[in-house]
N, C-alpha and C. Protein backbone atom coordinates (compact mmCIF):
# COMPACT_ATOMS: atom_id res chain seq x y z
N MET A 1 66.40 165.63 58.80
CA MET A 1 65.74 164.49 59.41
C MET A 1 64.60 164.99 60.30
N LEU A 2 63.48 164.34 60.19
CA LEU A 2 62.35 164.67 61.07
C LEU A 2 62.63 164.15 62.47
N ASN A 3 62.25 164.92 63.44
CA ASN A 3 62.41 164.50 64.83
C ASN A 3 61.05 164.14 65.40
N HIS A 4 61.04 163.15 66.24
CA HIS A 4 59.80 162.79 66.93
C HIS A 4 59.67 163.67 68.16
N SER A 5 58.54 163.59 68.80
CA SER A 5 58.31 164.34 70.04
C SER A 5 59.36 163.96 71.06
N ILE A 6 59.61 164.85 71.99
CA ILE A 6 60.65 164.65 72.98
C ILE A 6 60.36 163.41 73.83
N ALA A 7 61.36 162.54 73.91
CA ALA A 7 61.27 161.34 74.73
C ALA A 7 61.72 161.69 76.15
N PRO A 8 61.38 160.91 77.14
CA PRO A 8 60.65 159.65 77.04
C PRO A 8 59.15 159.87 76.88
N TRP A 9 58.52 158.90 76.25
CA TRP A 9 57.07 158.90 76.13
C TRP A 9 56.51 158.03 77.25
N LYS A 10 55.34 158.39 77.71
CA LYS A 10 54.69 157.63 78.79
C LYS A 10 53.22 157.42 78.47
N THR A 11 52.65 156.39 79.06
CA THR A 11 51.22 156.17 78.90
C THR A 11 50.48 156.73 80.11
N ALA A 12 49.26 157.13 79.86
CA ALA A 12 48.42 157.66 80.93
C ALA A 12 46.97 157.33 80.60
N ILE A 13 46.20 157.05 81.61
CA ILE A 13 44.77 156.76 81.42
C ILE A 13 44.01 158.08 81.40
N ALA A 14 43.10 158.19 80.45
CA ALA A 14 42.23 159.37 80.37
C ALA A 14 40.80 158.89 80.25
N PHE A 15 39.90 159.63 80.82
CA PHE A 15 38.48 159.29 80.72
C PHE A 15 37.78 160.44 80.00
N ASP A 16 37.31 160.14 78.81
CA ASP A 16 36.64 161.15 78.00
C ASP A 16 35.63 160.44 77.10
N ARG A 17 34.44 160.27 77.55
CA ARG A 17 33.36 159.56 76.86
C ARG A 17 33.66 158.09 76.66
N ALA A 18 34.88 157.72 76.80
CA ALA A 18 35.29 156.32 76.71
C ALA A 18 36.61 156.19 77.45
N TYR A 19 36.98 155.00 77.73
CA TYR A 19 38.26 154.74 78.36
C TYR A 19 39.34 154.90 77.29
N ILE A 20 40.33 155.75 77.55
CA ILE A 20 41.36 156.05 76.56
C ILE A 20 42.73 155.96 77.21
N ARG A 21 43.69 155.43 76.48
CA ARG A 21 45.10 155.46 76.88
C ARG A 21 45.76 156.58 76.08
N ASN A 22 46.30 157.56 76.77
CA ASN A 22 47.06 158.62 76.13
C ASN A 22 48.52 158.24 76.12
N ILE A 23 49.22 158.66 75.08
CA ILE A 23 50.67 158.57 75.05
C ILE A 23 51.15 160.01 75.05
N LYS A 24 51.97 160.35 76.06
CA LYS A 24 52.43 161.73 76.23
C LYS A 24 53.94 161.79 76.07
N ASP A 25 54.41 162.92 75.54
CA ASP A 25 55.85 163.11 75.42
C ASP A 25 56.42 163.62 76.75
N ALA A 26 57.70 163.94 76.76
CA ALA A 26 58.39 164.36 77.99
C ALA A 26 57.82 165.66 78.55
N GLN A 27 57.18 166.46 77.70
CA GLN A 27 56.60 167.72 78.14
C GLN A 27 55.14 167.57 78.56
N GLY A 28 54.64 166.35 78.53
CA GLY A 28 53.26 166.09 78.95
C GLY A 28 52.23 166.32 77.85
N GLU A 29 52.70 166.57 76.62
CA GLU A 29 51.78 166.77 75.50
C GLU A 29 51.29 165.42 74.98
N ILE A 30 50.00 165.33 74.71
CA ILE A 30 49.44 164.10 74.16
C ILE A 30 49.89 163.99 72.70
N ILE A 31 50.53 162.86 72.37
CA ILE A 31 50.97 162.65 70.98
C ILE A 31 50.17 161.54 70.30
N ALA A 32 49.45 160.75 71.09
CA ALA A 32 48.60 159.70 70.52
C ALA A 32 47.57 159.29 71.56
N GLN A 33 46.45 158.77 71.07
CA GLN A 33 45.41 158.25 71.95
C GLN A 33 44.92 156.92 71.39
N ILE A 34 44.69 155.99 72.30
CA ILE A 34 44.17 154.69 71.92
C ILE A 34 42.85 154.48 72.66
N PRO A 35 41.73 154.48 71.93
CA PRO A 35 40.45 154.23 72.59
C PRO A 35 40.32 152.77 73.01
N ASP A 36 39.66 152.56 74.11
CA ASP A 36 39.46 151.22 74.65
C ASP A 36 38.01 151.10 75.07
N TRP A 37 37.20 150.51 74.25
CA TRP A 37 35.77 150.41 74.54
C TRP A 37 35.47 149.33 75.55
N GLU A 38 36.47 148.53 75.91
CA GLU A 38 36.27 147.44 76.86
C GLU A 38 36.73 147.82 78.27
N ASP A 39 37.03 149.09 78.50
CA ASP A 39 37.40 149.59 79.83
C ASP A 39 38.57 148.83 80.45
N GLY A 40 39.74 149.03 79.85
CA GLY A 40 40.94 148.44 80.43
C GLY A 40 41.42 147.18 79.75
N LEU A 41 41.04 146.98 78.51
CA LEU A 41 41.45 145.81 77.76
C LEU A 41 42.98 145.70 77.75
N ALA A 42 43.48 144.53 78.06
CA ALA A 42 44.92 144.31 78.14
C ALA A 42 45.63 144.64 76.83
N GLU A 43 44.99 144.38 75.71
CA GLU A 43 45.60 144.67 74.40
C GLU A 43 45.83 146.17 74.23
N THR A 44 44.89 146.99 74.66
CA THR A 44 45.04 148.43 74.57
C THR A 44 46.23 148.91 75.40
N THR A 45 46.34 148.39 76.59
CA THR A 45 47.46 148.74 77.47
C THR A 45 48.78 148.32 76.83
N ALA A 46 48.84 147.12 76.28
CA ALA A 46 50.07 146.63 75.64
C ALA A 46 50.42 147.49 74.43
N ASN A 47 49.44 147.86 73.63
CA ASN A 47 49.69 148.71 72.47
C ASN A 47 50.21 150.08 72.90
N ALA A 48 49.63 150.64 73.92
CA ALA A 48 50.07 151.95 74.42
C ALA A 48 51.50 151.88 74.93
N ARG A 49 51.83 150.82 75.63
CA ARG A 49 53.21 150.67 76.14
C ARG A 49 54.20 150.53 74.99
N LEU A 50 53.83 149.80 73.95
CA LEU A 50 54.71 149.63 72.80
C LEU A 50 54.94 150.97 72.09
N ILE A 51 53.88 151.73 71.91
CA ILE A 51 54.02 153.04 71.29
C ILE A 51 54.90 153.94 72.15
N ALA A 52 54.68 153.93 73.45
CA ALA A 52 55.47 154.77 74.35
C ALA A 52 56.95 154.38 74.33
N ALA A 53 57.24 153.12 74.08
CA ALA A 53 58.63 152.65 74.05
C ALA A 53 59.32 152.92 72.72
N ALA A 54 58.58 153.36 71.71
CA ALA A 54 59.13 153.51 70.35
C ALA A 54 60.40 154.35 70.28
N PRO A 55 60.49 155.52 70.88
CA PRO A 55 61.75 156.28 70.77
C PRO A 55 62.94 155.54 71.38
N ASP A 56 62.72 154.86 72.49
CA ASP A 56 63.79 154.11 73.14
C ASP A 56 64.20 152.91 72.28
N LEU A 57 63.23 152.24 71.69
CA LEU A 57 63.53 151.10 70.82
C LEU A 57 64.29 151.54 69.58
N LEU A 58 63.90 152.66 68.99
CA LEU A 58 64.59 153.19 67.82
C LEU A 58 66.04 153.53 68.15
N GLU A 59 66.25 154.21 69.25
CA GLU A 59 67.61 154.58 69.65
C GLU A 59 68.46 153.34 69.91
N ALA A 60 67.90 152.35 70.59
CA ALA A 60 68.65 151.13 70.89
C ALA A 60 69.00 150.38 69.61
N LEU A 61 68.06 150.30 68.68
CA LEU A 61 68.30 149.59 67.42
C LEU A 61 69.36 150.31 66.59
N ARG A 62 69.30 151.64 66.55
CA ARG A 62 70.33 152.40 65.83
C ARG A 62 71.70 152.16 66.44
N ASP A 63 71.79 152.17 67.76
CA ASP A 63 73.06 151.95 68.45
C ASP A 63 73.60 150.55 68.16
N LEU A 64 72.73 149.54 68.22
CA LEU A 64 73.16 148.17 67.95
C LEU A 64 73.63 148.00 66.51
N LEU A 65 72.90 148.57 65.56
CA LEU A 65 73.26 148.47 64.15
C LEU A 65 74.60 149.15 63.90
N SER A 66 74.76 150.32 64.46
CA SER A 66 76.01 151.05 64.30
C SER A 66 77.18 150.26 64.87
N ARG A 67 76.99 149.72 66.04
CA ARG A 67 78.04 148.93 66.70
C ARG A 67 78.36 147.69 65.89
N ALA A 68 77.36 147.01 65.37
CA ALA A 68 77.57 145.79 64.58
C ALA A 68 78.36 146.11 63.32
N GLU A 69 78.02 147.21 62.67
CA GLU A 69 78.71 147.56 61.43
C GLU A 69 80.16 147.97 61.69
N ILE A 70 80.44 148.54 62.84
CA ILE A 70 81.80 148.95 63.18
C ILE A 70 82.62 147.77 63.66
N GLU A 71 82.07 146.98 64.55
CA GLU A 71 82.82 145.93 65.23
C GLU A 71 83.03 144.66 64.41
N LEU A 72 82.07 144.34 63.58
CA LEU A 72 82.16 143.07 62.86
C LEU A 72 82.73 143.28 61.46
N ASP A 73 83.69 142.49 61.12
CA ASP A 73 84.29 142.56 59.79
C ASP A 73 83.25 142.18 58.76
N GLN A 74 83.13 142.97 57.71
CA GLN A 74 82.10 142.73 56.69
C GLN A 74 82.25 141.37 56.01
N THR A 75 83.46 140.82 55.93
CA THR A 75 83.63 139.51 55.31
C THR A 75 82.92 138.43 56.12
N VAL A 76 82.86 138.63 57.42
CA VAL A 76 82.15 137.66 58.26
C VAL A 76 80.68 137.64 57.87
N TRP A 77 80.10 138.82 57.63
CA TRP A 77 78.68 138.88 57.24
C TRP A 77 78.48 138.23 55.89
N HIS A 78 79.36 138.53 54.94
CA HIS A 78 79.18 138.02 53.58
C HIS A 78 79.45 136.53 53.47
N GLU A 79 80.29 136.00 54.31
CA GLU A 79 80.58 134.57 54.27
C GLU A 79 79.49 133.76 54.96
N GLY A 80 78.51 134.44 55.54
CA GLY A 80 77.40 133.74 56.15
C GLY A 80 77.67 133.22 57.55
N LEU A 81 78.78 133.63 58.14
CA LEU A 81 79.04 133.18 59.50
C LEU A 81 78.09 133.83 60.49
N VAL A 82 77.57 134.97 60.11
CA VAL A 82 76.55 135.67 60.89
C VAL A 82 75.42 135.98 59.92
N ASN A 83 74.21 135.90 60.36
CA ASN A 83 73.06 136.08 59.49
C ASN A 83 72.94 137.53 59.01
N CYS A 84 73.15 137.76 57.71
CA CYS A 84 73.05 139.11 57.13
C CYS A 84 71.64 139.68 57.22
N ASP A 85 70.66 138.81 57.33
CA ASP A 85 69.27 139.27 57.41
C ASP A 85 69.04 140.15 58.64
N ILE A 86 69.82 139.95 59.68
CA ILE A 86 69.66 140.75 60.90
C ILE A 86 69.93 142.22 60.59
N LEU A 87 71.01 142.49 59.86
CA LEU A 87 71.31 143.88 59.50
C LEU A 87 70.24 144.44 58.58
N ALA A 88 69.81 143.67 57.61
CA ALA A 88 68.79 144.14 56.67
C ALA A 88 67.47 144.42 57.39
N LYS A 89 67.08 143.54 58.30
CA LYS A 89 65.85 143.74 59.06
C LYS A 89 65.96 144.98 59.96
N SER A 90 67.13 145.17 60.55
CA SER A 90 67.35 146.34 61.41
C SER A 90 67.24 147.62 60.60
N ARG A 91 67.90 147.65 59.44
CA ARG A 91 67.82 148.83 58.58
C ARG A 91 66.38 149.09 58.12
N ALA A 92 65.67 148.03 57.77
CA ALA A 92 64.28 148.18 57.31
C ALA A 92 63.38 148.71 58.43
N ALA A 93 63.58 148.24 59.64
CA ALA A 93 62.78 148.72 60.77
C ALA A 93 63.05 150.19 61.06
N ILE A 94 64.32 150.57 61.01
CA ILE A 94 64.67 151.98 61.23
C ILE A 94 64.08 152.84 60.12
N SER A 95 64.19 152.38 58.88
CA SER A 95 63.64 153.11 57.74
C SER A 95 62.12 153.28 57.88
N LYS A 96 61.45 152.24 58.32
CA LYS A 96 60.00 152.30 58.54
C LYS A 96 59.66 153.33 59.62
N ALA A 97 60.43 153.33 60.68
CA ALA A 97 60.19 154.26 61.79
C ALA A 97 60.43 155.72 61.37
N LEU A 98 61.37 155.90 60.47
CA LEU A 98 61.73 157.26 60.03
C LEU A 98 61.00 157.67 58.76
N GLY A 99 60.07 156.89 58.30
CA GLY A 99 59.34 157.21 57.08
C GLY A 99 60.22 157.08 55.86
N ASP A 100 61.04 156.05 55.82
CA ASP A 100 61.91 155.74 54.71
C ASP A 100 62.98 156.80 54.47
N GLN A 101 63.36 157.55 55.49
CA GLN A 101 64.47 158.49 55.38
C GLN A 101 65.77 157.72 55.39
N THR A 102 66.81 158.32 54.92
CA THR A 102 68.12 157.72 54.96
C THR A 102 68.56 157.57 56.41
N ILE A 103 69.08 156.38 56.75
CA ILE A 103 69.54 156.17 58.13
C ILE A 103 70.97 156.47 58.19
C-alpha cells in the first residue's frame, strides 16, 4: 500500500511571485501548493484546508466503515433498513483516495 506524507498536514501562506497556500506535512515539507492570484481568495483557503484535512478524513472514514461492517448485521443492510449506498460511497471514496487500491 502506498503511504501518503506524514500527517498531520497544515496550511501555510507563502509569498513567491504570487500569493500561494502551501500544504506541509508533519515534517514541514511542502507537499502541495495552491496559487491564489486574488491575494487571499476565500476559495483558495478553503481548498487548502480541505487538502490538509485529507489524511484525517481518510482515517476517520476507514474507521467508520470498519466499525459499521463489524457492528451492523449484514442482513440489516440487505433488507434496506439502513441505506447500503452509504457503505458503497464510503468504499468508493477510500478507493479514490488510495488510487483504487484494495481497501
